[in-house]
C-alpha atoms as a PDB file:
ATOM      1  CA  MET A   1      47.118  51.399 -78.942  1.00  0.00           C
ATOM      2  CA  LYS A   2      48.348  47.898 -78.826  1.00  0.00           C
ATOM      3  CA  ARG A   3      47.355  47.805 -74.927  1.00  0.00           C
ATOM      4  CA  TRP A   4      43.806  48.391 -75.725  1.00  0.00           C
ATOM      5  CA  GLY A   5      43.823  45.971 -78.272  1.00  0.00           C
ATOM      6  CA  LEU A   6      45.271  43.235 -76.127  1.00  0.00           C
ATOM      7  CA  THR A   7      42.519  44.279 -73.593  1.00  0.00           C
ATOM      8  CA  LEU A   8      39.679  44.008 -76.108  1.00  0.00           C
ATOM      9  CA  LEU A   9      40.678  40.409 -77.052  1.00  0.00           C
ATOM     10  CA  ALA A  10      41.144  39.857 -73.475  1.00  0.00           C
ATOM     11  CA  LEU A  11      37.944  40.702 -72.732  1.00  0.00           C
ATOM     12  CA  VAL A  12      36.250  38.576 -75.714  1.00  0.00           C
ATOM     13  CA  ALA A  13      38.048  35.526 -74.981  1.00  0.00           C
ATOM     14  CA  ALA A  14      36.438  36.197 -71.534  1.00  0.00           C
ATOM     15  CA  ALA A  15      33.293  36.299 -72.870  1.00  0.00           C
ATOM     16  CA  PHE A  16      33.514  33.411 -75.012  1.00  0.00           C
ATOM     17  CA  SER A  17      35.099  31.432 -72.143  1.00  0.00           C
ATOM     18  CA  VAL A  18      31.622  32.086 -70.107  1.00  0.00           C
ATOM     19  CA  GLU A  19      29.445  31.417 -73.267  1.00  0.00           C
ATOM     20  CA  ALA A  20      31.244  27.863 -73.276  1.00  0.00           C
ATOM     21  CA  GLY A  21      30.692  27.144 -69.704  1.00  0.00           C
ATOM     22  CA  ILE A  22      28.746  24.140 -68.634  1.00  0.00           C
ATOM     23  CA  ASP A  23      25.648  24.424 -66.461  1.00  0.00           C
ATOM     24  CA  ASN A  24      26.525  21.485 -64.115  1.00  0.00           C
ATOM     25  CA  HIS A  25      22.717  21.690 -62.758  1.00  0.00           C
ATOM     26  CA  MET A  26      21.725  21.129 -66.851  1.00  0.00           C
ATOM     27  CA  VAL A  27      24.043  18.088 -66.739  1.00  0.00           C
ATOM     28  CA  LYS A  28      22.770  16.819 -63.487  1.00  0.00           C
ATOM     29  CA  PHE A  29      18.938  17.020 -64.589  1.00  0.00           C
ATOM     30  CA  TYR A  30      19.878  15.319 -67.945  1.00  0.00           C
ATOM     31  CA  GLN A  31      20.876  11.808 -65.647  1.00  0.00           C
ATOM     32  CA  PRO A  32      17.939   9.311 -65.245  1.00  0.00           C
ATOM     33  CA  LEU A  33      15.844  10.827 -61.784  1.00  0.00           C
ATOM     34  CA  PRO A  34      14.174   8.423 -59.571  1.00  0.00           C
ATOM     35  CA  TYR A  35      10.816  10.679 -59.587  1.00  0.00           C
ATOM     36  CA  LEU A  36      10.576  11.428 -63.006  1.00  0.00           C
ATOM     37  CA  VAL A  37       7.991   9.545 -65.209  1.00  0.00           C
ATOM     38  CA  GLU A  38       6.797   9.213 -68.601  1.00  0.00           C
ATOM     39  CA  VAL A  39       3.209   9.573 -68.919  1.00  0.00           C
ATOM     40  CA  TYR A  40       0.989   7.817 -72.217  1.00  0.00           C
ATOM     41  CA  SER A  41      -2.622   8.054 -72.612  1.00  0.00           C
ATOM     42  CA  SER A  42      -5.103   6.473 -74.634  1.00  0.00           C
ATOM     43  CA  GLN A  43      -8.618   7.137 -75.137  1.00  0.00           C
ATOM     44  CA  GLN A  44     -11.657   6.593 -77.713  1.00  0.00           C
ATOM     45  CA  SER A  45     -13.319   9.732 -79.194  1.00  0.00           C
ATOM     46  CA  GLY A  46     -16.641   9.723 -79.820  1.00  0.00           C
ATOM     47  CA  THR A  47     -16.532   9.018 -83.369  1.00  0.00           C
ATOM     48  CA  GLY A  48     -14.931   5.202 -82.680  1.00  0.00           C
ATOM     49  CA  SER A  49     -11.067   6.794 -83.227  1.00  0.00           C
ATOM     50  CA  GLN A  50      -8.257   6.355 -81.161  1.00  0.00           C
ATOM     51  CA  ASN A  51      -6.218   9.074 -79.850  1.00  0.00           C
ATOM     52  CA  PHE A  52      -2.638   8.531 -78.085  1.00  0.00           C
ATOM     53  CA  GLY A  53      -1.348  11.481 -76.095  1.00  0.00           C
ATOM     54  CA  ARG A  54       2.124  11.749 -74.007  1.00  0.00           C
ATOM     55  CA  GLY A  55       3.619  14.091 -71.988  1.00  0.00           C
ATOM     56  CA  SER A  56       5.659  13.905 -68.291  1.00  0.00           C
ATOM     57  CA  GLY A  57       5.042  13.405 -64.612  1.00  0.00           C
ATOM     58  CA  PHE A  58       6.978  13.086 -61.326  1.00  0.00           C
ATOM     59  CA  PHE A  59       6.612  10.351 -58.409  1.00  0.00           C
ATOM     60  CA  TYR A  60       5.572  11.933 -54.803  1.00  0.00           C
ATOM     61  CA  GLN A  61       5.051  10.207 -51.614  1.00  0.00           C
ATOM     62  CA  ASN A  62       3.573  11.435 -48.740  1.00  0.00           C
ATOM     63  CA  PRO A  63       3.997   9.399 -45.221  1.00  0.00           C
ATOM     64  CA  GLU A  64       0.029  10.195 -44.952  1.00  0.00           C
ATOM     65  CA  ARG A  65      -1.599   9.798 -47.829  1.00  0.00           C
ATOM     66  CA  GLY A  66       0.424   7.369 -49.671  1.00  0.00           C
ATOM     67  CA  CYS A  67       2.187   7.665 -52.928  1.00  0.00           C
ATOM     68  CA  PHE A  68       0.494   9.225 -56.371  1.00  0.00           C
ATOM     69  CA  ILE A  69       2.736  10.406 -59.775  1.00  0.00           C
ATOM     70  CA  PHE A  70       1.555  14.415 -60.619  1.00  0.00           C
ATOM     71  CA  THR A  71       1.079  15.517 -64.261  1.00  0.00           C
ATOM     72  CA  ASN A  72      -1.691  17.644 -66.192  1.00  0.00           C
ATOM     73  CA  SER A  73      -5.072  17.168 -66.767  1.00  0.00           C
ATOM     74  CA  HIS A  74      -5.134  17.841 -70.516  1.00  0.00           C
ATOM     75  CA  VAL A  75      -2.370  14.945 -70.519  1.00  0.00           C
ATOM     76  CA  VAL A  76      -4.969  12.602 -68.991  1.00  0.00           C
ATOM     77  CA  GLY A  77      -7.772  13.781 -71.115  1.00  0.00           C
ATOM     78  CA  PRO A  78     -11.603  15.005 -69.934  1.00  0.00           C
ATOM     79  CA  VAL A  79     -12.875  11.356 -68.621  1.00  0.00           C
ATOM     80  CA  LEU A  80     -11.733   8.762 -66.320  1.00  0.00           C
ATOM     81  CA  GLN A  81     -11.985   5.768 -68.481  1.00  0.00           C
ATOM     82  CA  GLN A  82      -9.025   6.014 -70.644  1.00  0.00           C
ATOM     83  CA  LYS A  83      -5.588   3.522 -70.361  1.00  0.00           C
ATOM     84  CA  MET A  84      -2.934   5.608 -68.747  1.00  0.00           C
ATOM     85  CA  TRP A  85       0.741   4.184 -68.759  1.00  0.00           C
ATOM     86  CA  VAL A  86       3.792   5.424 -66.714  1.00  0.00           C
ATOM     87  CA  ARG A  87       7.337   4.496 -67.173  1.00  0.00           C
ATOM     88  CA  PHE A  88      10.028   5.178 -64.559  1.00  0.00           C
ATOM     89  CA  GLU A  89      13.464   6.284 -66.357  1.00  0.00           C
ATOM     90  CA  SER A  90      14.756   3.286 -64.858  1.00  0.00           C
ATOM     91  CA  GLU A  91      12.724   1.097 -67.125  1.00  0.00           C
ATOM     92  CA  LYS A  92      12.122  -0.260 -70.172  1.00  0.00           C
ATOM     93  CA  ASP A  93       8.764  -0.545 -70.501  1.00  0.00           C
ATOM     94  CA  GLY A  94       5.820   1.614 -69.121  1.00  0.00           C
ATOM     95  CA  ARG A  95       2.922  -0.241 -67.073  1.00  0.00           C
ATOM     96  CA  GLN A  96      -0.655   0.748 -66.931  1.00  0.00           C
ATOM     97  CA  VAL A  97      -1.987   2.610 -63.858  1.00  0.00           C
ATOM     98  CA  GLY A  98      -5.671   3.941 -62.884  1.00  0.00           C
ATOM     99  CA  ILE A  99      -6.509   7.754 -62.166  1.00  0.00           C
ATOM    100  CA  LEU A 100      -6.747   8.755 -58.915  1.00  0.00           C
ATOM    101  CA  GLY A 101      -8.521  12.004 -59.677  1.00  0.00           C
ATOM    102  CA  ASN A 102      -8.738  14.833 -62.569  1.00  0.00           C
ATOM    103  CA  ASP A 103      -8.990  18.491 -61.756  1.00  0.00           C
ATOM    104  CA  PRO A 104      -9.535  19.858 -65.811  1.00  0.00           C
ATOM    105  CA  VAL A 105      -9.826  23.322 -64.286  1.00  0.00           C
ATOM    106  CA  MET A 106      -6.288  23.701 -62.464  1.00  0.00           C
ATOM    107  CA  ASP A 107      -5.100  20.936 -64.788  1.00  0.00           C
ATOM    108  CA  VAL A 108      -4.086  18.592 -62.602  1.00  0.00           C
ATOM    109  CA  ALA A 109      -4.254  14.928 -62.543  1.00  0.00           C
ATOM    110  CA  LEU A 110      -3.091  11.941 -60.111  1.00  0.00           C
ATOM    111  CA  LEU A 111      -2.333   8.609 -61.092  1.00  0.00           C
ATOM    112  CA  GLU A 112      -1.602   5.613 -59.697  1.00  0.00           C
ATOM    113  CA  CYS A 113       1.784   4.440 -59.148  1.00  0.00           C
ATOM    114  CA  PRO A 114       2.857   1.333 -60.423  1.00  0.00           C
ATOM    115  CA  SER A 115       3.355  -1.803 -58.228  1.00  0.00           C
ATOM    116  CA  PRO A 116       6.089  -2.746 -57.114  1.00  0.00           C
ATOM    117  CA  LEU A 117       7.825   0.412 -57.948  1.00  0.00           C
ATOM    118  CA  PRO A 118      11.118   0.622 -59.254  1.00  0.00           C
ATOM    119  CA  PRO A 119      14.033  -0.112 -56.713  1.00  0.00           C
ATOM    120  CA  ASP A 120      15.583   3.053 -57.168  1.00  0.00           C
ATOM    121  CA  ALA A 121      12.257   5.035 -57.535  1.00  0.00           C
ATOM    122  CA  ALA A 122      12.702   7.874 -54.816  1.00  0.00           C
ATOM    123  CA  SER A 123      10.325  10.516 -53.852  1.00  0.00           C
ATOM    124  CA  ALA A 124      10.791  14.582 -55.462  1.00  0.00           C
ATOM    125  CA  SER A 125      10.789  16.895 -52.565  1.00  0.00           C
ATOM    126  CA  LEU A 126       8.137  20.033 -52.968  1.00  0.00           C
ATOM    127  CA  GLY A 127       9.661  23.514 -52.277  1.00  0.00           C
ATOM    128  CA  ASN A 128       7.391  26.597 -51.021  1.00  0.00           C
ATOM    129  CA  GLU A 129       6.394  29.601 -51.857  1.00  0.00           C
ATOM    130  CA  SER A 130       9.969  30.851 -50.731  1.00  0.00           C
ATOM    131  CA  ASP A 131      11.495  29.373 -53.505  1.00  0.00           C
ATOM    132  CA  ILE A 132       9.296  31.127 -56.223  1.00  0.00           C
ATOM    133  CA  VAL A 133      11.427  34.378 -56.389  1.00  0.00           C
ATOM    134  CA  VAL A 134      12.215  36.950 -59.761  1.00  0.00           C
ATOM    135  CA  GLY A 135      15.459  35.847 -61.276  1.00  0.00           C
ATOM    136  CA  GLN A 136      15.940  32.316 -59.550  1.00  0.00           C
ATOM    137  CA  MET A 137      16.631  29.725 -62.543  1.00  0.00           C
ATOM    138  CA  VAL A 138      14.580  26.998 -63.120  1.00  0.00           C
ATOM    139  CA  TYR A 139      15.095  23.684 -64.818  1.00  0.00           C
ATOM    140  CA  GLY A 140      12.019  22.154 -66.839  1.00  0.00           C
ATOM    141  CA  VAL A 141      12.645  18.435 -67.494  1.00  0.00           C
ATOM    142  CA  GLY A 142      10.631  15.955 -69.400  1.00  0.00           C
ATOM    143  CA  TRP A 143      10.018  14.638 -72.910  1.00  0.00           C
ATOM    144  CA  PRO A 144       9.109  17.362 -74.880  1.00  0.00           C
ATOM    145  CA  PHE A 145       8.212  15.776 -78.854  1.00  0.00           C
ATOM    146  CA  GLY A 146       9.178  12.186 -76.862  1.00  0.00           C
ATOM    147  CA  VAL A 147      12.776  13.458 -76.433  1.00  0.00           C
ATOM    148  CA  ARG A 148      14.300  13.165 -72.883  1.00  0.00           C
ATOM    149  CA  SER A 149      15.521  17.278 -72.502  1.00  0.00           C
ATOM    150  CA  VAL A 150      16.483  19.669 -69.873  1.00  0.00           C
ATOM    151  CA  ALA A 151      15.306  23.522 -70.521  1.00  0.00           C
ATOM    152  CA  LYS A 152      16.071  26.202 -68.324  1.00  0.00           C
ATOM    153  CA  GLY A 153      15.469  29.765 -67.613  1.00  0.00           C
ATOM    154  CA  GLU A 154      14.696  32.567 -64.892  1.00  0.00           C
ATOM    155  CA  ILE A 155      11.310  33.079 -63.281  1.00  0.00           C
ATOM    156  CA  ASN A 156       9.824  35.927 -64.348  1.00  0.00           C
ATOM    157  CA  ALA A 157       7.350  36.895 -62.021  1.00  0.00           C
ATOM    158  CA  PRO A 158       5.648  35.391 -59.531  1.00  0.00           C
ATOM    159  CA  GLU A 159       2.172  35.553 -60.658  1.00  0.00           C
ATOM    160  CA  SER A 160       0.481  34.717 -64.036  1.00  0.00           C
ATOM    161  CA  PRO A 161      -2.278  36.820 -66.355  1.00  0.00           C
ATOM    162  CA  PHE A 162      -3.562  33.248 -67.240  1.00  0.00           C
ATOM    163  CA  SER A 163      -4.205  32.163 -63.727  1.00  0.00           C
ATOM    164  CA  PRO A 164      -3.840  33.025 -60.115  1.00  0.00           C
ATOM    165  CA  PHE A 165      -2.404  29.572 -59.641  1.00  0.00           C
ATOM    166  CA  MET A 166       0.507  29.738 -62.129  1.00  0.00           C
ATOM    167  CA  PHE A 167       3.808  31.773 -62.061  1.00  0.00           C
ATOM    168  CA  ALA A 168       5.718  33.405 -65.517  1.00  0.00           C
ATOM    169  CA  ASN A 169       9.166  32.000 -66.568  1.00  0.00           C
ATOM    170  CA  GLN A 170      11.645  31.542 -69.134  1.00  0.00           C
ATOM    171  CA  SER A 171      12.070  27.337 -69.177  1.00  0.00           C
ATOM    172  CA  PRO A 172      10.331  26.452 -72.325  1.00  0.00           C
ATOM    173  CA  VAL A 173       7.554  24.282 -72.604  1.00  0.00           C
ATOM    174  CA  HIS A 174       6.344  22.259 -75.674  1.00  0.00           C
ATOM    175  CA  PRO A 175       4.250  18.873 -76.072  1.00  0.00           C
ATOM    176  CA  GLY A 176       5.070  16.219 -74.138  1.00  0.00           C
ATOM    177  CA  ASN A 177       6.944  18.436 -71.399  1.00  0.00           C
ATOM    178  CA  SER A 178       3.333  18.667 -69.988  1.00  0.00           C
ATOM    179  CA  GLY A 179       2.813  17.760 -66.643  1.00  0.00           C
ATOM    180  CA  GLY A 180       6.709  17.515 -65.898  1.00  0.00           C
ATOM    181  CA  PRO A 181       8.874  19.041 -63.051  1.00  0.00           C
ATOM    182  CA  LEU A 182      10.183  22.350 -62.685  1.00  0.00           C
ATOM    183  CA  PHE A 183      13.117  22.244 -60.423  1.00  0.00           C
ATOM    184  CA  THR A 184      15.388  24.562 -58.790  1.00  0.00           C
ATOM    185  CA  VAL A 185      18.408  24.416 -56.672  1.00  0.00           C
ATOM    186  CA  ARG A 186      18.590  26.005 -53.233  1.00  0.00           C
ATOM    187  CA  ASP A 187      21.577  27.871 -52.228  1.00  0.00           C
ATOM    188  CA  SER A 188      22.317  24.375 -49.691  1.00  0.00           C
ATOM    189  CA  GLY A 189      22.396  22.416 -52.990  1.00  0.00           C
ATOM    190  CA  GLU A 190      19.059  20.839 -52.514  1.00  0.00           C
ATOM    191  CA  VAL A 191      16.567  20.075 -55.433  1.00  0.00           C
ATOM    192  CA  VAL A 192      13.217  21.082 -54.852  1.00  0.00           C
ATOM    193  CA  VAL A 193      10.126  21.036 -57.124  1.00  0.00           C
ATOM    194  CA  VAL A 194       8.867  24.799 -57.439  1.00  0.00           C
ATOM    195  CA  GLY A 195       5.859  24.373 -60.203  1.00  0.00           C
ATOM    196  CA  MET A 196       4.596  21.992 -62.866  1.00  0.00           C
ATOM    197  CA  ASN A 197       5.029  22.575 -66.387  1.00  0.00           C
ATOM    198  CA  THR A 198       2.097  23.679 -67.998  1.00  0.00           C
ATOM    199  CA  LEU A 199       1.524  26.088 -70.608  1.00  0.00           C
ATOM    200  CA  GLN A 200       3.743  28.466 -73.040  1.00  0.00           C
ATOM    201  CA  THR A 201       2.185  31.765 -74.369  1.00  0.00           C
ATOM    202  CA  PRO A 202       1.128  31.263 -78.170  1.00  0.00           C
ATOM    203  CA  GLN A 203       4.132  33.885 -78.919  1.00  0.00           C
ATOM    204  CA  GLY A 204       6.424  31.352 -77.136  1.00  0.00           C
ATOM    205  CA  LEU A 205       8.205  34.221 -75.146  1.00  0.00           C
ATOM    206  CA  GLN A 206       6.933  32.850 -71.511  1.00  0.00           C
ATOM    207  CA  SER A 207       5.979  29.727 -69.786  1.00  0.00           C
ATOM    208  CA  HIS A 208       3.371  29.375 -67.140  1.00  0.00           C
ATOM    209  CA  SER A 209       3.833  26.900 -64.316  1.00  0.00           C
ATOM    210  CA  LEU A 210       1.463  26.065 -61.347  1.00  0.00           C
ATOM    211  CA  ALA A 211       2.856  26.946 -58.312  1.00  0.00           C
ATOM    212  CA  VAL A 212       3.882  24.385 -55.838  1.00  0.00           C
ATOM    213  CA  GLN A 213       1.843  26.099 -52.915  1.00  0.00           C
ATOM    214  CA  TYR A 214      -0.991  24.603 -54.544  1.00  0.00           C
ATOM    215  CA  ILE A 215      -0.033  21.211 -55.937  1.00  0.00           C
ATOM    216  CA  GLU A 216      -0.624  19.398 -52.532  1.00  0.00           C
ATOM    217  CA  ARG A 217      -3.490  21.057 -51.982  1.00  0.00           C
ATOM    218  CA  LEU A 218      -4.855  20.273 -55.085  1.00  0.00           C
ATOM    219  CA  ALA A 219      -3.968  16.509 -54.307  1.00  0.00           C
ATOM    220  CA  ILE A 220      -5.690  16.334 -50.953  1.00  0.00           C
ATOM    221  CA  GLN A 221      -8.895  17.676 -53.082  1.00  0.00           C
ATOM    222  CA  MET A 222      -8.409  14.726 -55.526  1.00  0.00           C
ATOM    223  CA  LEU A 223      -7.878  12.035 -53.215  1.00  0.00           C
ATOM    224  CA  SER A 224     -10.916  13.167 -50.904  1.00  0.00           C
ATOM    225  CA  GLN A 225     -13.108  13.317 -53.958  1.00  0.00           C
ATOM    226  CA  ARG A 226     -11.608  10.362 -55.834  1.00  0.00           C
ATOM    227  CA  GLY A 227     -12.947  11.460 -59.348  1.00  0.00           C
ATOM    228  CA  VAL A 228     -13.247  14.372 -61.608  1.00  0.00           C
ATOM    229  CA  VAL A 229     -12.754  17.168 -59.109  1.00  0.00           C
ATOM    230  CA  TYR A 230     -15.219  20.568 -59.635  1.00  0.00           C
ATOM    231  CA  HIS A 231     -14.786  23.822 -58.052  1.00  0.00           C
ATOM    232  CA  GLY A 232     -17.413  26.274 -56.154  1.00  0.00           C
ATOM    233  CA  THR A 233     -18.482  29.080 -58.754  1.00  0.00           C
ATOM    234  CA  MET A 234     -20.496  32.566 -57.997  1.00  0.00           C
ATOM    235  CA  GLY A 235     -20.722  33.263 -61.819  1.00  0.00           C
ATOM    236  CA  MET A 236     -19.040  36.622 -62.009  1.00  0.00           C
ATOM    237  CA  LYS A 237     -16.044  38.294 -62.945  1.00  0.00           C
ATOM    238  CA  ILE A 238     -13.914  40.492 -60.691  1.00  0.00           C
ATOM    239  CA  GLU A 239     -10.875  42.485 -60.868  1.00  0.00           C
ATOM    240  CA  SER A 240      -8.421  43.495 -57.510  1.00  0.00           C
ATOM    241  CA  ILE A 241      -9.130  47.407 -56.291  1.00  0.00           C
ATOM    242  CA  ASN A 242      -5.561  47.710 -55.900  1.00  0.00           C
ATOM    243  CA  GLY A 243      -4.004  48.562 -59.143  1.00  0.00           C
ATOM    244  CA  ILE A 244      -6.907  48.388 -61.204  1.00  0.00           C
ATOM    245  CA  HIS A 245      -7.532  50.765 -64.252  1.00  0.00           C
ATOM    246  CA  PRO A 246      -8.884  53.987 -63.436  1.00  0.00           C
ATOM    247  CA  ASP A 247     -11.365  54.749 -65.993  1.00  0.00           C
ATOM    248  CA  LEU A 248     -12.378  50.702 -65.706  1.00  0.00           C
ATOM    249  CA  TYR A 249     -12.915  51.648 -62.106  1.00  0.00           C
ATOM    250  CA  GLN A 250     -15.301  54.895 -62.657  1.00  0.00           C
ATOM    251  CA  PHE A 251     -16.939  53.203 -65.779  1.00  0.00           C
ATOM    252  CA  ILE A 252     -17.945  50.004 -63.948  1.00  0.00           C
ATOM    253  CA  ALA A 253     -18.480  51.537 -60.277  1.00  0.00           C
ATOM    254  CA  ASN A 254     -19.762  54.600 -61.256  1.00  0.00           C
ATOM    255  CA  ARG A 255     -17.504  56.237 -58.632  1.00  0.00           C
ATOM    256  CA  THR A 256     -15.015  58.632 -58.832  1.00  0.00           C
ATOM    257  CA  TYR A 257     -11.270  57.037 -58.780  1.00  0.00           C
ATOM    258  CA  PRO A 258      -9.174  55.945 -56.535  1.00  0.00           C
ATOM    259  CA  PRO A 259     -11.463  54.022 -54.487  1.00  0.00           C
ATOM    260  CA  ASN A 260     -11.952  54.319 -51.039  1.00  0.00           C
ATOM    261  CA  GLU A 261     -11.598  50.780 -49.781  1.00  0.00           C
ATOM    262  CA  LYS A 262      -8.087  49.400 -49.423  1.00  0.00           C
ATOM    263  CA  SER A 263      -8.536  46.109 -50.289  1.00  0.00           C
ATOM    264  CA  GLY A 264     -11.015  43.792 -52.112  1.00  0.00           C
ATOM    265  CA  VAL A 265     -12.631  43.144 -55.369  1.00  0.00           C
ATOM    266  CA  LEU A 266     -14.889  44.581 -58.110  1.00  0.00           C
ATOM    267  CA  VAL A 267     -17.645  42.786 -59.696  1.00  0.00           C
ATOM    268  CA  THR A 268     -17.299  43.862 -64.011  1.00  0.00           C
ATOM    269  CA  LYS A 269     -19.487  41.361 -64.927  1.00  0.00           C
ATOM    270  CA  VAL A 270     -22.280  39.201 -63.388  1.00  0.00           C
ATOM    271  CA  PHE A 271     -23.572  36.043 -65.704  1.00  0.00           C
ATOM    272  CA  ASP A 272     -27.612  35.551 -66.167  1.00  0.00           C
ATOM    273  CA  GLY A 273     -28.610  32.974 -64.004  1.00  0.00           C
ATOM    274  CA  SER A 274     -25.768  32.376 -62.041  1.00  0.00           C
ATOM    275  CA  PRO A 275     -25.880  32.149 -58.242  1.00  0.00           C
ATOM    276  CA  ALA A 276     -24.314  35.831 -57.617  1.00  0.00           C
ATOM    277  CA  ALA A 277     -27.236  37.260 -60.313  1.00  0.00           C
ATOM    278  CA  ARG A 278     -30.215  35.745 -58.161  1.00  0.00           C
ATOM    279  CA  VAL A 279     -28.944  36.912 -54.737  1.00  0.00           C
ATOM    280  CA  GLY A 280     -28.835  40.876 -56.481  1.00  0.00           C
ATOM    281  CA  ILE A 281     -24.852  41.023 -56.793  1.00  0.00           C
ATOM    282  CA  LYS A 282     -24.454  43.513 -59.871  1.00  0.00           C
ATOM    283  CA  ALA A 283     -21.751  44.525 -61.874  1.00  0.00           C
ATOM    284  CA  GLY A 284     -19.911  48.150 -59.707  1.00  0.00           C
ATOM    285  CA  ASP A 285     -20.515  46.110 -56.346  1.00  0.00           C
ATOM    286  CA  ILE A 286     -17.216  45.690 -54.034  1.00  0.00           C
ATOM    287  CA  ILE A 287     -16.618  42.478 -52.237  1.00  0.00           C
ATOM    288  CA  VAL A 288     -14.560  43.517 -49.008  1.00  0.00           C
ATOM    289  CA  GLU A 289     -15.449  40.391 -47.034  1.00  0.00           C
ATOM    290  CA  MET A 290     -15.941  36.849 -46.931  1.00  0.00           C
ATOM    291  CA  SER A 291     -17.031  34.187 -44.913  1.00  0.00           C
ATOM    292  CA  HIS A 292     -18.339  30.618 -44.585  1.00  0.00           C
ATOM    293  CA  ASP A 293     -20.435  28.707 -41.823  1.00  0.00           C
ATOM    294  CA  GLY A 294     -19.454  31.690 -39.237  1.00  0.00           C
ATOM    295  CA  GLN A 295     -15.594  31.899 -40.424  1.00  0.00           C
ATOM    296  CA  PRO A 296     -13.792  34.854 -42.150  1.00  0.00           C
ATOM    297  CA  ILE A 297     -11.924  33.830 -45.102  1.00  0.00           C
ATOM    298  CA  PRO A 298      -9.497  36.387 -45.462  1.00  0.00           C
ATOM    299  CA  PHE A 299      -8.494  37.789 -49.107  1.00  0.00           C
ATOM    300  CA  ALA A 300      -7.459  41.441 -50.448  1.00  0.00           C
ATOM    301  CA  THR A 301      -6.854  41.111 -54.284  1.00  0.00           C
ATOM    302  CA  MET A 302      -8.628  39.055 -56.771  1.00  0.00           C
ATOM    303  CA  LYS A 303      -6.080  36.370 -56.626  1.00  0.00           C
ATOM    304  CA  GLU A 304      -6.427  35.382 -52.932  1.00  0.00           C
ATOM    305  CA  PHE A 305     -10.358  35.729 -53.606  1.00  0.00           C
ATOM    306  CA  PHE A 306     -10.061  32.764 -56.362  1.00  0.00           C
ATOM    307  CA  VAL A 307      -7.450  30.835 -54.435  1.00  0.00           C
ATOM    308  CA  GLU A 308      -9.982  30.690 -51.290  1.00  0.00           C
ATOM    309  CA  LEU A 309     -12.787  29.779 -53.732  1.00  0.00           C
ATOM    310  CA  ALA A 310     -11.045  27.004 -55.487  1.00  0.00           C
ATOM    311  CA  LEU A 311      -9.449  25.523 -52.365  1.00  0.00           C
ATOM    312  CA  THR A 312     -11.254  26.276 -49.276  1.00  0.00           C
ATOM    313  CA  LEU A 313     -14.833  26.310 -50.583  1.00  0.00           C
ATOM    314  CA  LYS A 314     -16.531  23.565 -52.552  1.00  0.00           C
ATOM    315  CA  PRO A 315     -19.766  23.136 -54.920  1.00  0.00           C
ATOM    316  CA  ASN A 316     -22.993  23.618 -52.681  1.00  0.00           C
ATOM    317  CA  ASP A 317     -21.629  25.553 -49.854  1.00  0.00           C
ATOM    318  CA  SER A 318     -22.901  29.162 -48.670  1.00  0.00           C
ATOM    319  CA  VAL A 319     -20.420  31.946 -48.702  1.00  0.00           C
ATOM    320  CA  HIS A 320     -21.936  35.156 -46.634  1.00  0.00           C
ATOM    321  CA  LEU A 321     -20.339  38.693 -48.819  1.00  0.00           C
ATOM    322  CA  SER A 322     -20.070  41.704 -47.563  1.00  0.00           C
ATOM    323  CA  ALA A 323     -20.145  44.534 -50.180  1.00  0.00           C
ATOM    324  CA  ARG A 324     -20.252  48.147 -51.070  1.00  0.00           C
ATOM    325  CA  ARG A 325     -22.519  49.849 -53.640  1.00  0.00           C
ATOM    326  CA  GLY A 326     -21.865  53.030 -53.813  1.00  0.00           C
ATOM    327  CA  ASP A 327     -22.789  55.094 -50.361  1.00  0.00           C
ATOM    328  CA  GLN A 328     -24.871  51.475 -49.176  1.00  0.00           C
ATOM    329  CA  SER A 329     -23.628  48.728 -47.652  1.00  0.00           C
ATOM    330  CA  LEU A 330     -24.851  45.870 -48.468  1.00  0.00           C
ATOM    331  CA  GLU A 331     -24.631  42.031 -47.482  1.00  0.00           C
ATOM    332  CA  PHE A 332     -25.018  38.223 -49.802  1.00  0.00           C
ATOM    333  CA  ASP A 333     -25.492  34.711 -48.929  1.00  0.00           C
ATOM    334  CA  VAL A 334     -24.557  32.897 -52.145  1.00  0.00           C
ATOM    335  CA  ARG A 335     -24.735  29.290 -52.368  1.00  0.00           C
ATOM    336  CA  LEU A 336     -21.810  27.946 -55.238  1.00  0.00           C
ATOM    337  CA  GLU A 337     -22.619  26.250 -57.916  1.00  0.00           C
ATOM    338  CA  PRO A 338     -20.149  23.679 -59.809  1.00  0.00           C
ATOM    339  CA  TYR A 339     -17.773  25.491 -62.459  1.00  0.00           C
ATOM    340  CA  ILE A 340     -18.174  23.525 -65.518  1.00  0.00           C
ATOM    341  CA  PRO A 341     -15.635  24.157 -68.106  1.00  0.00           C
ATOM    342  CA  GLN A 342     -16.794  25.177 -71.439  1.00  0.00           C
ATOM    343  CA  ASP A 343     -15.040  23.367 -74.450  1.00  0.00           C
END
């Protein structure tokens, strides 16, 4: 009995020892970082009142495209005329900068770098899709509620139900975190950005971060368009064929489950007056192929369809779709319209 009691005490002591351990990565990320930026916005509302906002961001330098600061679009605001200020951690005061681009749909904005840069400024390193692994520890850094802090959590899923461009994780996001970097540490010890702190579910159970593999592609779009970025839309809702709810498939497609198609997307709704409606696409159609200017645009899922629509195509592009409606094979040519988010 005495031996078991001692063993139990040893296990409890070991557990407390683990709990009391300090995460050295958190300590490191709490130190001043040469790429971390605090962001301030100021804009006048339609009623004449002044609105003030703040968030986080990070400095990135590309040898071909120069330097800029990433943050969230909702930190910047809906227009390009507002004042923006940034402050590197080594600086006492903020400096006013211009807005290079704003993508409200993807919730990304690009700000100018202040000139001159602080002597210790260094570009953040971007990771890649292979760094977004379930169970991988990630660290969110920024100024939630105006207080410099570090939060950590594990990656829950490489995707998100809120956007095909996000992934789910347990690192908390609060007001002021928005636009800041989400880091991971590779086995080699290299620190890389894997996402941008963007959204937390109302229940507070998960955070959703814009995935790193899309960040630089979105920056290229914004730099080329110089202003508010608009993405093309066909004006319809879709679902992936793979993993679709059996009854939803049978109800919308009016076909027996399971689908004969191995990949593709099911059109679940077509909006009146939309580009899709004008060419005759209907709910229940299954889109299996897409091309532009004779070049195939590969996709197998809803996520891949939306990613190509947003990052490969643009408003006024003409897209050729191959679809199935029951036993019929159909072809459609759809001209994309700008997608305007509804307030």
